[in-house]
Every structure is written in structure tokens, then in C-alpha cells.
PDB file of N, CA and C in Angstrom:
ATOM      1  N   MET A   1     111.035 108.858  56.189  1.00  0.00           N
ATOM      2  CA  MET A   1     109.940 108.563  57.174  1.00  0.00           C
ATOM      3  C   MET A   1     109.277 110.129  57.451  1.00  0.00           C
ATOM      4  N   ARG A   2     108.220 110.088  57.302  1.00  0.00           N
ATOM      5  CA  ARG A   2     107.559 111.650  57.778  1.00  0.00           C
ATOM      6  C   ARG A   2     106.658 111.179  58.954  1.00  0.00           C
ATOM      7  N   LEU A   3     106.789 111.971  60.267  1.00  0.00           N
ATOM      8  CA  LEU A   3     106.000 111.941  61.456  1.00  0.00           C
ATOM      9  C   LEU A   3     104.827 112.684  61.096  1.00  0.00           C
ATOM     10  N   ALA A   4     103.483 112.247  61.784  1.00  0.00           N
ATOM     11  CA  ALA A   4     102.372 112.609  61.689  1.00  0.00           C
ATOM     12  C   ALA A   4     102.264 113.695  62.380  1.00  0.00           C
ATOM     13  N   ARG A   5     101.616 114.797  62.000  1.00  0.00           N
ATOM     14  CA  ARG A   5     101.493 116.187  62.702  1.00  0.00           C
ATOM     15  C   ARG A   5     100.541 115.988  63.770  1.00  0.00           C
ATOM     16  N   PRO A   6     100.349 116.631  64.757  1.00  0.00           N
ATOM     17  CA  PRO A   6      99.565 116.294  65.835  1.00  0.00           C
ATOM     18  C   PRO A   6      98.227 116.958  65.534  1.00  0.00           C
ATOM     19  N   SER A   7      97.368 116.368  65.743  1.00  0.00           N
ATOM     20  CA  SER A   7      95.784 116.965  65.305  1.00  0.00           C
ATOM     21  C   SER A   7      95.512 118.300  66.068  1.00  0.00           C
ATOM     22  N   ARG A   8      94.635 119.189  65.475  1.00  0.00           N
ATOM     23  CA  ARG A   8      94.217 120.320  66.161  1.00  0.00           C
ATOM     24  C   ARG A   8      93.763 120.131  67.458  1.00  0.00           C
ATOM     25  N   ARG A   9      92.821 119.093  67.954  1.00  0.00           N
ATOM     26  CA  ARG A   9      92.249 118.572  69.119  1.00  0.00           C
ATOM     27  C   ARG A   9      93.335 118.600  70.324  1.00  0.00           C
ATOM     28  N   MET A  10      94.511 117.821  69.645  1.00  0.00           N
ATOM     29  CA  MET A  10      95.452 117.603  70.602  1.00  0.00           C
ATOM     30  C   MET A  10      96.022 118.744  71.104  1.00  0.00           C
ATOM     31  N   ARG A  11      96.321 119.534  70.243  1.00  0.00           N
ATOM     32  CA  ARG A  11      96.796 120.895  70.409  1.00  0.00           C
ATOM     33  C   ARG A  11      96.261 121.793  71.233  1.00  0.00           C
ATOM     34  N   TRP A  12      94.991 121.838  71.177  1.00  0.00           N
ATOM     35  CA  TRP A  12      94.112 122.395  71.973  1.00  0.00           C
ATOM     36  C   TRP A  12      94.008 122.021  73.645  1.00  0.00           C
ATOM     37  N   ARG A  13      94.026 120.467  73.470  1.00  0.00           N
ATOM     38  CA  ARG A  13      94.008 120.039  74.906  1.00  0.00           C
ATOM     39  C   ARG A  13      95.489 120.490  75.368  1.00  0.00           C
ATOM     40  N   ILE A  14      96.619 120.477  75.058  1.00  0.00           N
ATOM     41  CA  ILE A  14      97.652 120.539  75.532  1.00  0.00           C
ATOM     42  C   ILE A  14      97.822 122.111  75.842  1.00  0.00           C
ATOM     43  N   LEU A  15      97.300 123.058  75.341  1.00  0.00           N
ATOM     44  CA  LEU A  15      97.337 124.512  75.849  1.00  0.00           C
ATOM     45  C   LEU A  15      96.290 124.510  76.683  1.00  0.00           C
ATOM     46  N   LEU A  16      95.449 123.914  76.853  1.00  0.00           N
ATOM     47  CA  LEU A  16      94.355 123.904  77.867  1.00  0.00           C
ATOM     48  C   LEU A  16      94.958 123.281  79.241  1.00  0.00           C
ATOM     49  N   VAL A  17      95.947 122.549  78.986  1.00  0.00           N
ATOM     50  CA  VAL A  17      96.280 121.957  80.621  1.00  0.00           C
ATOM     51  C   VAL A  17      97.664 122.836  80.887  1.00  0.00           C
ATOM     52  N   ALA A  18      98.613 123.608  79.816  1.00  0.00           N
ATOM     53  CA  ALA A  18      99.262 124.057  80.109  1.00  0.00           C
ATOM     54  C   ALA A  18      98.515 125.549  81.132  1.00  0.00           C
ATOM     55  N   LEU A  19      97.744 126.053  80.248  1.00  0.00           N
ATOM     56  CA  LEU A  19      96.616 127.179  81.068  1.00  0.00           C
ATOM     57  C   LEU A  19      96.436 126.872  82.395  1.00  0.00           C
ATOM     58  N   LEU A  20      95.777 125.826  82.741  1.00  0.00           N
ATOM     59  CA  LEU A  20      95.464 125.402  84.052  1.00  0.00           C
ATOM     60  C   LEU A  20      96.560 125.054  85.257  1.00  0.00           C
ATOM     61  N   LEU A  21      97.900 124.783  84.712  1.00  0.00           N
ATOM     62  CA  LEU A  21      98.930 124.670  85.240  1.00  0.00           C
ATOM     63  C   LEU A  21      99.424 126.191  85.794  1.00  0.00           C
ATOM     64  N   VAL A  22      99.305 126.727  84.994  1.00  0.00           N
ATOM     65  CA  VAL A  22      99.658 128.235  85.270  1.00  0.00           C
ATOM     66  C   VAL A  22      98.960 129.061  86.133  1.00  0.00           C
ATOM     67  N   ALA A  23      97.479 129.122  86.007  1.00  0.00           N
ATOM     68  CA  ALA A  23      96.275 129.102  86.729  1.00  0.00           C
ATOM     69  C   ALA A  23      96.542 128.819  88.179  1.00  0.00           C
ATOM     70  N   THR A  24      96.479 127.284  88.228  1.00  0.00           N
ATOM     71  CA  THR A  24      96.570 126.895  89.755  1.00  0.00           C
ATOM     72  C   THR A  24      97.825 127.292  90.532  1.00  0.00           C
ATOM     73  N   SER A  25      99.162 127.326  89.765  1.00  0.00           N
ATOM     74  CA  SER A  25     100.358 128.003  90.477  1.00  0.00           C
ATOM     75  C   SER A  25      99.923 129.435  90.648  1.00  0.00           C
ATOM     76  N   ALA A  26      99.178 130.205  89.910  1.00  0.00           N
ATOM     77  CA  ALA A  26      99.032 131.679  90.430  1.00  0.00           C
ATOM     78  C   ALA A  26      98.289 131.546  91.648  1.00  0.00           C
ATOM     79  N   THR A  27      97.098 130.695  91.733  1.00  0.00           N
ATOM     80  CA  THR A  27      96.293 130.738  92.801  1.00  0.00           C
ATOM     81  C   THR A  27      96.921 130.500  94.425  1.00  0.00           C
ATOM     82  N   ALA A  28      97.888 129.396  94.475  1.00  0.00           N
ATOM     83  CA  ALA A  28      98.602 129.109  95.093  1.00  0.00           C
ATOM     84  C   ALA A  28      99.710 130.195  95.779  1.00  0.00           C
ATOM     85  N   ALA A  29     100.341 130.719  94.810  1.00  0.00           N
ATOM     86  CA  ALA A  29     101.401 131.862  95.352  1.00  0.00           C
ATOM     87  C   ALA A  29     100.354 133.373  95.904  1.00  0.00           C
ATOM     88  N   ASP A  30      99.202 133.325  95.326  1.00  0.00           N
ATOM     89  CA  ASP A  30      98.423 134.393  96.004  1.00  0.00           C
ATOM     90  C   ASP A  30      97.594 134.045  97.246  1.00  0.00           C
ATOM     91  N   SER A  31      97.778 132.868  97.779  1.00  0.00           N
ATOM     92  CA  SER A  31      96.989 132.682  99.024  1.00  0.00           C
ATOM     93  C   SER A  31      97.889 133.063 100.112  1.00  0.00           C
ATOM     94  N   GLN A  32      97.099 133.715 101.131  1.00  0.00           N
ATOM     95  CA  GLN A  32      97.652 133.782 102.152  1.00  0.00           C
ATOM     96  C   GLN A  32      97.079 132.926 103.670  1.00  0.00           C
ATOM     97  N   ARG A  33      97.900 133.122 104.761  1.00  0.00           N
ATOM     98  CA  ARG A  33      97.401 132.379 105.999  1.00  0.00           C
ATOM     99  C   ARG A  33      96.919 133.496 107.201  1.00  0.00           C
ATOM    100  N   ILE A  34      95.945 133.367 107.658  1.00  0.00           N
ATOM    101  CA  ILE A  34      95.476 134.334 108.681  1.00  0.00           C
ATOM    102  C   ILE A  34      95.190 133.418 109.828  1.00  0.00           C
ATOM    103  N   GLU A  35      95.447 133.592 111.192  1.00  0.00           N
ATOM    104  CA  GLU A  35      95.055 132.881 112.183  1.00  0.00           C
ATOM    105  C   GLU A  35      93.996 133.962 113.177  1.00  0.00           C
ATOM    106  N   GLY A  36      93.246 133.566 113.996  1.00  0.00           N
ATOM    107  CA  GLY A  36      92.387 134.138 115.079  1.00  0.00           C
ATOM    108  C   GLY A  36      91.425 133.343 115.833  1.00  0.00           C
ATOM    109  N   LEU A  37      90.643 134.078 116.340  1.00  0.00           N
ATOM    110  CA  LEU A  37      89.574 133.358 117.078  1.00  0.00           C
ATOM    111  C   LEU A  37      87.973 133.671 116.379  1.00  0.00           C
ATOM    112  N   ILE A  38      87.095 132.764 116.515  1.00  0.00           N
ATOM    113  CA  ILE A  38      85.930 132.751 115.604  1.00  0.00           C
ATOM    114  C   ILE A  38      84.939 133.275 116.807  1.00  0.00           C
ATOM    115  N   THR A  39      84.421 134.471 116.178  1.00  0.00           N
ATOM    116  CA  THR A  39      83.371 135.093 117.250  1.00  0.00           C
ATOM    117  C   THR A  39      82.166 134.607 116.731  1.00  0.00           C
ATOM    118  N   ALA A  40      81.852 134.065 115.637  1.00  0.00           N
ATOM    119  CA  ALA A  40      80.204 133.869 115.119  1.00  0.00           C
ATOM    120  C   ALA A  40      80.550 132.839 113.851  1.00  0.00           C
ATOM    121  N   VAL A  41      79.342 132.105 114.073  1.00  0.00           N
ATOM    122  CA  VAL A  41      79.357 131.108 113.022  1.00  0.00           C
ATOM    123  C   VAL A  41      78.102 130.929 112.328  1.00  0.00           C
ATOM    124  N   HIS A  42      77.860 131.016 110.992  1.00  0.00           N
ATOM    125  CA  HIS A  42      76.981 131.393 110.517  1.00  0.00           C
ATOM    126  C   HIS A  42      76.960 130.164 109.445  1.00  0.00           C
ATOM    127  N   ARG A  43      75.815 129.732 108.383  1.00  0.00           N
ATOM    128  CA  ARG A  43      75.786 128.796 107.594  1.00  0.00           C
ATOM    129  C   ARG A  43      76.874 128.481 106.662  1.00  0.00           C
ATOM    130  N   ASN A  44      77.490 129.475 105.672  1.00  0.00           N
ATOM    131  CA  ASN A  44      78.421 129.504 104.937  1.00  0.00           C
ATOM    132  C   ASN A  44      79.537 130.298 105.378  1.00  0.00           C
ATOM    133  N   ASP A  45      79.886 130.859 106.186  1.00  0.00           N
ATOM    134  CA  ASP A  45      80.971 131.757 106.821  1.00  0.00           C
ATOM    135  C   ASP A  45      80.748 131.757 108.460  1.00  0.00           C
ATOM    136  N   PHE A  46      82.042 132.632 108.586  1.00  0.00           N
ATOM    137  CA  PHE A  46      82.067 132.695 110.318  1.00  0.00           C
ATOM    138  C   PHE A  46      83.017 133.798 110.369  1.00  0.00           C
ATOM    139  N   VAL A  47      82.772 134.548 111.469  1.00  0.00           N
ATOM    140  CA  VAL A  47      83.993 135.642 111.811  1.00  0.00           C
ATOM    141  C   VAL A  47      84.957 135.593 112.680  1.00  0.00           C
ATOM    142  N   LEU A  48      86.082 136.072 112.087  1.00  0.00           N
ATOM    143  CA  LEU A  48      87.598 135.602 112.509  1.00  0.00           C
ATOM    144  C   LEU A  48      87.950 136.643 113.108  1.00  0.00           C
ATOM    145  N   SER A  49      88.161 136.974 114.593  1.00  0.00           N
ATOM    146  CA  SER A  49      88.954 138.094 115.166  1.00  0.00           C
ATOM    147  C   SER A  49      90.512 137.631 114.991  1.00  0.00           C
ATOM    148  N   SER A  50      90.917 138.555 114.183  1.00  0.00           N
ATOM    149  CA  SER A  50      92.512 138.394 114.056  1.00  0.00           C
ATOM    150  C   SER A  50      93.045 140.071 113.862  1.00  0.00           C
ATOM    151  N   ASP A  51      93.988 140.229 114.955  1.00  0.00           N
ATOM    152  CA  ASP A  51      95.025 141.334 115.146  1.00  0.00           C
ATOM    153  C   ASP A  51      93.805 142.663 115.200  1.00  0.00           C
ATOM    154  N   GLY A  52      92.916 142.419 115.962  1.00  0.00           N
ATOM    155  CA  GLY A  52      91.772 143.510 116.294  1.00  0.00           C
ATOM    156  C   GLY A  52      91.168 143.926 114.918  1.00  0.00           C
ATOM    157  N   ARG A  53      90.865 143.167 114.012  1.00  0.00           N
ATOM    158  CA  ARG A  53      89.940 143.117 112.986  1.00  0.00           C
ATOM    159  C   ARG A  53      89.085 142.281 112.975  1.00  0.00           C
ATOM    160  N   GLN A  54      87.821 142.455 112.339  1.00  0.00           N
ATOM    161  CA  GLN A  54      86.850 141.348 112.306  1.00  0.00           C
ATOM    162  C   GLN A  54      86.633 141.026 111.001  1.00  0.00           C
ATOM    163  N   ILE A  55      86.937 139.551 110.454  1.00  0.00           N
ATOM    164  CA  ILE A  55      87.113 139.406 108.928  1.00  0.00           C
ATOM    165  C   ILE A  55      86.106 138.197 108.521  1.00  0.00           C
ATOM    166  N   VAL A  56      85.183 138.112 107.811  1.00  0.00           N
ATOM    167  CA  VAL A  56      84.176 137.238 107.505  1.00  0.00           C
ATOM    168  C   VAL A  56      84.928 136.339 106.887  1.00  0.00           C
ATOM    169  N   VAL A  57      84.791 134.980 106.865  1.00  0.00           N
ATOM    170  CA  VAL A  57      85.491 134.065 106.277  1.00  0.00           C
ATOM    171  C   VAL A  57      84.622 133.085 105.639  1.00  0.00           C
ATOM    172  N   ASP A  58      84.464 133.288 104.259  1.00  0.00           N
ATOM    173  CA  ASP A  58      83.375 132.461 103.265  1.00  0.00           C
ATOM    174  C   ASP A  58      83.898 131.159 103.365  1.00  0.00           C
ATOM    175  N   VAL A  59      83.500 130.107 103.466  1.00  0.00           N
ATOM    176  CA  VAL A  59      83.728 128.674 103.703  1.00  0.00           C
ATOM    177  C   VAL A  59      82.753 127.911 102.717  1.00  0.00           C
ATOM    178  N   SER A  60      82.175 128.618 101.987  1.00  0.00           N
ATOM    179  CA  SER A  60      81.050 127.858 101.014  1.00  0.00           C
ATOM    180  C   SER A  60      81.911 126.950 100.053  1.00  0.00           C
ATOM    181  N   ALA A  61      82.956 127.180  99.731  1.00  0.00           N
ATOM    182  CA  ALA A  61      83.606 126.339  98.587  1.00  0.00           C
ATOM    183  C   ALA A  61      84.067 125.172  99.282  1.00  0.00           C
ATOM    184  N   LEU A  62      84.059 125.268 100.925  1.00  0.00           N
ATOM    185  CA  LEU A  62      84.882 123.968 101.502  1.00  0.00           C
ATOM    186  C   LEU A  62      83.387 122.751 101.541  1.00  0.00           C
ATOM    187  N   GLY A  63      82.483 123.343 101.386  1.00  0.00           N
ATOM    188  CA  GLY A  63      80.994 122.465 101.537  1.00  0.00           C
ATOM    189  C   GLY A  63      80.932 121.862 103.094  1.00  0.00           C
ATOM    190  N   GLY A  64      80.200 122.515 103.647  1.00  0.00           N
ATOM    191  CA  GLY A  64      79.406 122.014 105.266  1.00  0.00           C
ATOM    192  C   GLY A  64      80.545 121.804 106.490  1.00  0.00           C
ATOM    193  N   VAL A  65      81.557 122.561 106.214  1.00  0.00           N
ATOM    194  CA  VAL A  65      82.836 122.559 107.270  1.00  0.00           C
ATOM    195  C   VAL A  65      82.210 123.393 108.245  1.00  0.00           C
ATOM    196  N   THR A  66      81.089 124.327 108.478  1.00  0.00           N
ATOM    197  CA  THR A  66      81.112 125.152 109.502  1.00  0.00           C
ATOM    198  C   THR A  66      80.515 124.178 110.709  1.00  0.00           C
ATOM    199  N   ALA A  67      80.157 122.810 110.189  1.00  0.00           N
ATOM    200  CA  ALA A  67      79.580 121.883 111.260  1.00  0.00           C
ATOM    201  C   ALA A  67      80.661 121.624 112.318  1.00  0.00           C
ATOM    202  N   ALA A  68      81.869 121.470 111.600  1.00  0.00           N
ATOM    203  CA  ALA A  68      83.042 121.281 112.570  1.00  0.00           C
ATOM    204  C   ALA A  68      83.738 122.420 113.241  1.00  0.00           C
ATOM    205  N   ILE A  69      83.239 123.575 113.193  1.00  0.00           N
ATOM    206  CA  ILE A  69      83.853 124.616 113.978  1.00  0.00           C
ATOM    207  C   ILE A  69      83.066 125.389 115.069  1.00  0.00           C
ATOM    208  N   ALA A  70      83.435 125.926 115.984  1.00  0.00           N
ATOM    209  CA  ALA A  70      82.567 126.510 117.015  1.00  0.00           C
ATOM    210  C   ALA A  70      83.238 127.923 117.539  1.00  0.00           C
ATOM    211  N   GLU A  71      82.181 128.558 118.008  1.00  0.00           N
ATOM    212  CA  GLU A  71      82.625 130.097 118.424  1.00  0.00           C
ATOM    213  C   GLU A  71      83.707 129.863 119.586  1.00  0.00           C
ATOM    214  N   GLY A  72      84.594 130.598 119.531  1.00  0.00           N
ATOM    215  CA  GLY A  72      85.692 130.657 120.642  1.00  0.00           C
ATOM    216  C   GLY A  72      86.951 129.848 120.150  1.00  0.00           C
ATOM    217  N   GLN A  73      86.940 129.112 119.446  1.00  0.00           N
ATOM    218  CA  GLN A  73      87.775 128.169 118.701  1.00  0.00           C
ATOM    219  C   GLN A  73      88.954 129.108 118.139  1.00  0.00           C
ATOM    220  N   ARG A  74      90.167 128.606 118.075  1.00  0.00           N
ATOM    221  CA  ARG A  74      91.082 129.374 117.488  1.00  0.00           C
ATOM    222  C   ARG A  74      91.599 128.799 116.238  1.00  0.00           C
ATOM    223  N   ILE A  75      91.552 129.130 115.107  1.00  0.00           N
ATOM    224  CA  ILE A  75      92.134 128.418 114.097  1.00  0.00           C
ATOM    225  C   ILE A  75      92.614 129.605 112.897  1.00  0.00           C
ATOM    226  N   ALA A  76      93.321 128.873 112.351  1.00  0.00           N
ATOM    227  CA  ALA A  76      93.914 129.321 111.057  1.00  0.00           C
ATOM    228  C   ALA A  76      93.349 128.839 109.620  1.00  0.00           C
ATOM    229  N   VAL A  77      93.426 130.207 108.831  1.00  0.00           N
ATOM    230  CA  VAL A  77      92.867 129.688 107.447  1.00  0.00           C
ATOM    231  C   VAL A  77      93.633 130.227 106.499  1.00  0.00           C
ATOM    232  N   ILE A  78      93.484 129.489 105.577  1.00  0.00           N
ATOM    233  CA  ILE A  78      94.255 129.839 103.970  1.00  0.00           C
ATOM    234  C   ILE A  78      93.421 129.947 103.012  1.00  0.00           C
ATOM    235  N   GLY A  79      93.490 131.257 102.539  1.00  0.00           N
ATOM    236  CA  GLY A  79      92.955 131.724 101.316  1.00  0.00           C
ATOM    237  C   GLY A  79      93.255 132.751 100.667  1.00  0.00           C
ATOM    238  N   THR A  80      92.249 133.554 100.085  1.00  0.00           N
ATOM    239  CA  THR A  80      92.311 134.876  99.448  1.00  0.00           C
ATOM    240  C   THR A  80      91.533 135.872  99.780  1.00  0.00           C
ATOM    241  N   MET A  81      91.939 137.478 100.092  1.00  0.00           N
ATOM    242  CA  MET A  81      91.088 138.165 100.490  1.00  0.00           C
ATOM    243  C   MET A  81      90.068 138.704  99.309  1.00  0.00           C
ATOM    244  N   ALA A  82      88.965 138.838  99.634  1.00  0.00           N
ATOM    245  CA  ALA A  82      88.218 139.465  97.852  1.00  0.00           C
ATOM    246  C   ALA A  82      88.414 140.844  98.215  1.00  0.00           C
ATOM    247  N   PRO A  83      88.198 141.390  96.759  1.00  0.00           N
ATOM    248  CA  PRO A  83      88.304 142.962  96.832  1.00  0.00           C
ATOM    249  C   PRO A  83      87.339 143.445  97.818  1.00  0.00           C
ATOM    250  N   GLY A  84      87.874 144.523  98.098  1.00  0.00           N
ATOM    251  CA  GLY A  84      87.091 145.231  99.179  1.00  0.00           C
ATOM    252  C   GLY A  84      87.969 145.155 100.574  1.00  0.00           C
ATOM    253  N   GLY A  85      88.511 143.638 100.977  1.00  0.00           N
ATOM    254  CA  GLY A  85      89.260 143.554 102.258  1.00  0.00           C
ATOM    255  C   GLY A  85      88.278 143.137 103.297  1.00  0.00           C
ATOM    256  N   GLN A  86      87.031 142.743 103.331  1.00  0.00           N
ATOM    257  CA  GLN A  86      86.173 142.359 104.600  1.00  0.00           C
ATOM    258  C   GLN A  86      85.844 141.037 104.318  1.00  0.00           C
ATOM    259  N   THR A  87      85.806 140.575 103.234  1.00  0.00           N
ATOM    260  CA  THR A  87      85.815 139.031 103.131  1.00  0.00           C
ATOM    261  C   THR A  87      86.889 137.980 102.535  1.00  0.00           C
ATOM    262  N   PHE A  88      87.166 136.993 103.374  1.00  0.00           N
ATOM    263  CA  PHE A  88      88.387 136.133 103.091  1.00  0.00           C
ATOM    264  C   PHE A  88      87.998 135.075 102.570  1.00  0.00           C
ATOM    265  N   ARG A  89      87.942 134.285 101.276  1.00  0.00           N
ATOM    266  CA  ARG A  89      87.662 133.280 100.676  1.00  0.00           C
ATOM    267  C   ARG A  89      88.451 132.100 101.270  1.00  0.00           C
ATOM    268  N   ALA A  90      88.277 131.159 101.727  1.00  0.00           N
ATOM    269  CA  ALA A  90      89.227 129.800 102.358  1.00  0.00           C
ATOM    270  C   ALA A  90      89.271 128.834 101.257  1.00  0.00           C
ATOM    271  N   ILE A  91      90.081 128.443 101.272  1.00  0.00           N
ATOM    272  CA  ILE A  91      90.731 126.912 100.524  1.00  0.00           C
ATOM    273  C   ILE A  91      90.936 126.038 101.285  1.00  0.00           C
ATOM    274  N   ARG A  92      91.473 126.259 102.672  1.00  0.00           N
ATOM    275  CA  ARG A  92      91.722 125.225 103.715  1.00  0.00           C
ATOM    276  C   ARG A  92      91.480 125.586 105.091  1.00  0.00           C
ATOM    277  N   LEU A  93      91.198 124.998 105.903  1.00  0.00           N
ATOM    278  CA  LEU A  93      91.285 125.288 107.228  1.00  0.00           C
ATOM    279  C   LEU A  93      92.410 124.382 108.062  1.00  0.00           C
ATOM    280  N   GLU A  94      93.163 125.064 109.150  1.00  0.00           N
ATOM    281  CA  GLU A  94      94.212 124.728 110.011  1.00  0.00           C
ATOM    282  C   GLU A  94      93.913 124.904 111.372  1.00  0.00           C
ATOM    283  N   SER A  95      94.223 123.904 112.136  1.00  0.00           N
ATOM    284  CA  SER A  95      94.578 124.150 113.541  1.00  0.00           C
ATOM    285  C   SER A  95      95.433 125.386 113.803  1.00  0.00           C
ATOM    286  N   ALA A  96      95.371 126.394 114.804  1.00  0.00           N
ATOM    287  CA  ALA A  96      96.154 127.506 114.928  1.00  0.00           C
ATOM    288  C   ALA A  96      97.631 127.055 115.763  1.00  0.00           C
ATOM    289  N   THR A  97      98.655 127.941 115.276  1.00  0.00           N
ATOM    290  CA  THR A  97      99.868 127.577 115.587  1.00  0.00           C
ATOM    291  C   THR A  97     100.220 128.131 116.718  1.00  0.00           C
ATOM    292  N   THR A  98      99.609 129.680 116.846  1.00  0.00           N
ATOM    293  CA  THR A  98      99.624 130.186 118.252  1.00  0.00           C
ATOM    294  C   THR A  98      98.500 130.252 119.677  1.00  0.00           C
ATOM    295  N   GLY A  99      98.723 129.981 120.504  1.00  0.00           N
ATOM    296  CA  GLY A  99      97.750 129.824 121.422  1.00  0.00           C
ATOM    297  C   GLY A  99      97.492 130.491 122.093  1.00  0.00           C
ATOM    298  N   GLN A 100      97.726 131.963 121.647  1.00  0.00           N
ATOM    299  CA  GLN A 100      96.797 133.204 122.848  1.00  0.00           C
ATOM    300  C   GLN A 100      95.988 133.090 123.572  1.00  0.00           C
TER     301      GLN A 100
END
């Protein structure tokens, strides 16, 4: 009895799924968490004061989240730093664990 060979389309699908799994696991490993005080809120970003630095946090990927945050609020941001080190791309927001 001879088994049927997987179709070319199926092999491409399996390869695509494997690549997506690798890409998403690499993204999760590269993310970092920063905490700070919100000093300014704009439409698609806000300015976070953390460890004496002013960091622009891009929240455009989160869709409308700036309505739920306010200036003076302590917050934690999970995401990745963009090349250049001035903009942080948020993938999730959390409440801050330190209440300085």
C-alpha cells in the first residue's frame, strides 16, 4: 500500500505556519517592559517619563486606547523600542507595579 504524497499547497501551508510561529515567538522574546509617568497624551501616542528620560510611546497598533489614559497617570508599557531609541511601540498596557 502506497501513501499519498502531500500536495504542494499543503507543504506551503505547513511552512507558512512554521514561519509564523517562529516570528511570533521571536517578537515576544524581544519585547520589554517600561514603567513611568504619562506627561502628555496625543491622538496615537503619549509621552512617558521614565528614569529621567522622555519616551514617546506609539499606541496606534492598540486602536483608540488613548481615550482610557490620562496625563499624570503611572503606567507600564510592554513593547519594542524602534530604531533610534526615541519611540517605543506598545503592544500592551498594564498598571504600574511601583507607585513612586
